[in-house]
Protein backbone atom coordinates (compact mmCIF):
# COMPACT_ATOMS: atom_id res chain seq x y z
CA MET A 1 26.33 -3.46 46.00
CA ALA A 2 26.69 -4.83 42.01
CA MET A 3 29.64 -6.07 42.68
CA ALA A 4 28.38 -7.91 46.01
CA THR A 5 25.54 -9.42 43.54
CA ALA A 6 27.72 -9.69 40.67
CA ALA A 7 30.00 -11.92 43.16
CA ILE A 8 27.34 -13.50 44.83
CA ALA A 9 25.88 -14.90 41.78
CA LEU A 10 28.99 -16.01 40.06
CA PHE A 11 30.99 -17.80 42.96
CA VAL A 12 27.99 -18.91 45.02
CA VAL A 13 24.82 -19.45 42.41
CA LEU A 14 27.20 -20.15 39.61
CA GLY A 15 29.74 -22.30 41.95
CA ILE A 16 33.12 -20.43 40.54
CA PRO A 17 35.63 -21.46 43.16
CA GLN A 18 36.29 -18.38 44.51
CA SER A 19 39.87 -19.28 44.49
CA LEU A 20 39.97 -17.89 41.39
CA ALA A 21 39.79 -14.66 42.16
CA THR A 22 42.90 -14.82 43.86
CA GLY A 23 44.88 -16.54 41.06
CA GLY A 24 46.70 -19.85 40.85
CA SER A 25 46.28 -22.12 39.32
CA ALA A 26 43.34 -22.93 38.64
CA LEU A 27 43.22 -19.87 36.94
CA VAL A 28 44.21 -21.36 33.63
CA GLN A 29 41.57 -23.95 33.67
CA MET A 30 38.91 -21.23 33.53
CA LEU A 31 41.11 -20.09 30.14
CA ASP A 32 38.92 -22.95 28.22
CA SER A 33 35.64 -21.70 30.62
CA ALA A 34 32.82 -19.36 29.16
CA LEU A 35 29.99 -16.94 29.84
CA LEU A 36 26.47 -15.83 28.32
CA ILE A 37 25.60 -12.89 30.66
CA TRP A 38 21.28 -11.68 29.71
CA GLY A 39 21.43 -7.73 29.74
CA ALA A 40 24.75 -7.12 30.23
CA ALA A 41 24.94 -3.50 31.00
CA SER A 42 23.04 -3.26 33.81
CA SER A 43 24.74 -2.58 36.83
CA ILE A 44 25.02 -6.17 38.42
CA GLU A 45 25.33 -7.70 34.49
CA ALA A 46 28.95 -5.39 33.79
CA SER A 47 30.22 -6.09 37.36
CA ALA A 48 29.44 -9.30 36.20
CA VAL A 49 31.46 -9.25 33.27
CA GLN A 50 34.06 -7.24 34.75
CA LEU A 51 34.48 -10.06 37.61
CA ALA A 52 34.61 -13.00 34.77
CA ARG A 53 36.92 -10.49 32.73
CA SER A 54 39.53 -10.94 36.09
CA MET A 55 39.42 -14.90 36.27
CA CYS A 56 39.99 -15.42 32.29
CA PHE A 57 36.59 -16.40 30.92
CA THR A 58 35.61 -15.29 27.50
CA ILE A 59 32.88 -13.97 27.91
CA PHE A 60 29.77 -13.02 25.61
CA THR A 61 26.67 -10.56 26.67
CA THR A 62 24.16 -9.14 24.90
CA ALA A 63 23.38 -6.04 25.18
CA SER A 64 21.39 -3.16 22.88
CA SER A 65 23.72 -2.09 20.84
CA GLN A 66 24.49 1.94 21.62
CA HIS A 67 26.85 -0.47 24.40
CA TYR A 68 28.44 -2.02 22.02
CA HIS A 69 31.45 0.02 22.22
CA TRP A 70 32.07 -0.18 26.28
CA PHE A 71 32.21 -3.66 26.66
CA LYS A 72 34.59 -4.65 23.24
CA LYS A 73 36.39 -2.60 25.94
CA LEU A 74 35.59 -4.21 28.74
CA GLY A 75 37.18 -7.11 26.76
CA VAL A 76 33.81 -9.26 25.94
CA THR A 77 34.05 -11.73 22.35
CA GLU A 78 30.92 -10.41 21.38
CA ILE A 79 27.64 -8.98 22.11
CA LEU A 80 24.39 -9.59 20.74
CA ASP A 81 22.26 -6.98 19.96
CA HIS A 82 18.66 -7.93 22.42
CA TYR A 83 17.06 -6.12 20.41
CA ASP A 84 17.69 -7.73 17.27
CA PRO A 85 14.70 -9.56 15.65
CA ASP A 86 17.09 -12.00 15.12
CA ILE A 87 18.57 -12.44 18.70
CA VAL A 88 17.05 -16.48 19.23
CA THR A 89 19.24 -17.78 16.29
CA LYS A 90 21.55 -16.20 16.93
CA LEU A 91 21.52 -17.13 20.98
CA ALA A 92 20.94 -20.45 19.78
CA GLU A 93 23.97 -20.62 17.04
CA LEU A 94 26.67 -18.98 20.25
CA LEU A 95 24.94 -21.71 22.98
CA LYS A 96 26.23 -24.38 20.11
CA LEU A 97 29.46 -22.57 19.84
CA MET A 98 30.36 -22.36 23.52
CA THR A 99 29.48 -25.85 24.08
CA GLN A 100 31.60 -26.87 21.24
CA ARG A 101 34.66 -24.73 22.25
CA PHE A 102 34.16 -24.45 25.80
CA SER A 103 34.91 -27.58 28.25
CA GLN A 104 33.08 -24.82 30.96
CA SER A 105 29.51 -22.27 29.91
CA LEU A 106 27.45 -21.17 31.86
CA ILE A 107 24.67 -18.64 31.49
CA LEU A 108 23.78 -15.75 33.94
CA SER A 109 21.43 -13.45 33.70
CA ALA A 110 20.33 -11.13 37.25
CA SER A 111 17.37 -9.09 35.31
CA VAL A 112 14.75 -7.82 37.49
CA TYR A 113 10.88 -9.11 35.76
CA THR A 114 8.06 -6.60 38.20
CA GLY A 115 5.70 -7.94 36.23
CA SER A 116 4.54 -4.75 34.80
CA ASP A 117 3.81 -4.99 30.84
CA PRO A 118 7.29 -4.25 29.35
CA SER A 119 5.72 -2.91 26.42
CA ASN A 120 5.54 0.02 28.51
CA ASN A 121 8.33 1.81 29.32
CA SER A 122 6.82 3.67 32.03
CA SER A 123 6.14 0.74 33.74
CA ARG A 124 9.87 -1.18 33.35
CA SER A 125 10.71 0.33 36.63
CA ARG A 126 13.16 -1.47 39.63
CA GLN A 127 11.32 -1.16 42.30
CA GLY A 128 13.30 -3.64 44.20
CA HIS A 129 10.02 -6.69 44.53
CA GLY A 130 10.69 -8.29 41.75
CA LYS A 131 11.81 -11.23 41.20
CA SER A 132 15.49 -11.79 40.66
CA SER A 133 16.95 -15.06 38.50
CA TYR A 134 20.37 -16.37 37.75
CA GLY A 135 20.32 -19.40 35.69
CA ASN A 136 24.12 -21.86 34.65
CA ALA A 137 21.74 -23.13 31.58
CA VAL A 138 24.98 -24.85 29.54
CA ALA A 139 26.59 -27.80 30.97
């Protein structure tokens, strides 16, 4: 289910051509494309990492530091710790780099918000009735 949702996010919501998943000459164009995935340790975003990597995207993620080595093994270029107090500054620097270095830059987030207080761990349950959001905010 997570892989299907990731595929919908990449191919339908972000508009990445489905032909890229099967290879071909269009795949070479993705060598100059970057994807920032927010919260990549969830099953949907982790699946998106694998799909995007198979299409030659340069991938950046945010995740907690405990997932650093796992994402490096998956081929992620840089992992920002989303618990870092300087995350906003680091994201701004990364977005600037992405827009300067790559011909196409995309952002994906499939996080679920339930309306609960995020400071209370017991209220972070993902019961399926929250909002999902996807974005392609960088041109």
